[in-house]
């Protein structure tokens, strides 16, 4: 497990990540295509790479 800080709210609260979460993060960020596919599945971006309407 690892810890990081939550910079979004400018706090120093630890964020706990399990080994499985760390592994998944490495897998989805290993290359541009994997990262894009993850973001599309999560609904954050459209297939064409533009930010989803809900997040504009």
Protein backbone atom coordinates (compact mmCIF):
# COMPACT_ATOMS: atom_id res chain seq x y z
CA UNK A 1 0.00 0.00 0.00
CA UNK A 2 1.07 3.52 -0.62
CA UNK A 3 -0.01 6.94 0.51
CA UNK A 4 -0.22 10.23 -1.33
CA UNK A 5 -1.69 13.62 -0.58
CA UNK A 6 -4.94 15.06 -1.83
CA UNK A 7 -3.74 18.23 -3.58
CA UNK A 8 -7.19 19.07 -4.98
CA UNK A 9 -8.36 20.33 -1.62
CA UNK A 10 -4.87 21.39 -0.50
CA UNK A 11 -4.95 19.01 2.43
CA UNK A 12 -2.40 16.51 3.62
CA UNK A 13 -4.88 13.69 4.16
CA UNK A 14 -3.38 10.35 3.11
CA UNK A 15 -4.99 8.43 0.26
CA UNK A 16 -4.66 4.69 0.70
CA UNK A 17 -4.08 2.60 -2.41
CA UNK A 18 -4.06 -1.18 -2.30
CA UNK A 19 -1.60 -3.20 -4.37
CA UNK A 20 -4.43 -4.05 -6.77
CA UNK A 21 -5.27 -0.36 -7.21
CA UNK A 22 -1.61 0.47 -7.83
CA UNK A 23 -1.39 -2.35 -10.40
CA UNK A 24 -4.53 -1.12 -12.18
CA UNK A 25 -3.17 2.44 -12.26
CA UNK A 26 0.06 1.19 -13.84
CA UNK A 27 -1.86 -0.86 -16.41
CA UNK A 28 -4.19 1.92 -17.55
CA UNK A 29 -1.36 4.44 -17.77
CA UNK A 30 1.21 2.24 -19.52
CA UNK A 31 0.57 3.89 -22.89
CA UNK A 32 -1.60 6.54 -24.49
CA UNK A 33 -4.14 4.07 -25.92
CA UNK A 34 -4.71 2.33 -22.58
CA UNK A 35 -5.11 5.65 -20.78
CA UNK A 36 -7.57 6.94 -23.37
CA UNK A 37 -9.60 3.71 -23.27
CA UNK A 38 -9.85 3.98 -19.49
CA UNK A 39 -10.97 7.61 -19.62
CA UNK A 40 -13.60 6.78 -22.26
CA UNK A 41 -14.93 3.86 -20.16
CA UNK A 42 -15.05 6.15 -17.14
CA UNK A 43 -17.07 8.68 -19.14
CA UNK A 44 -14.55 11.48 -18.68
CA UNK A 45 -13.74 11.89 -22.37
CA UNK A 46 -15.42 11.01 -25.65
CA UNK A 47 -13.98 8.54 -28.16
CA UNK A 48 -12.58 11.46 -30.18
CA UNK A 49 -10.54 12.53 -27.12
CA UNK A 50 -12.55 15.61 -26.22
CA UNK A 51 -13.77 16.20 -22.67
CA UNK A 52 -17.24 14.76 -22.06
CA UNK A 53 -20.08 17.28 -22.04
CA UNK A 54 -20.70 16.74 -18.32
CA UNK A 55 -17.18 17.96 -17.48
CA UNK A 56 -16.93 21.01 -19.72
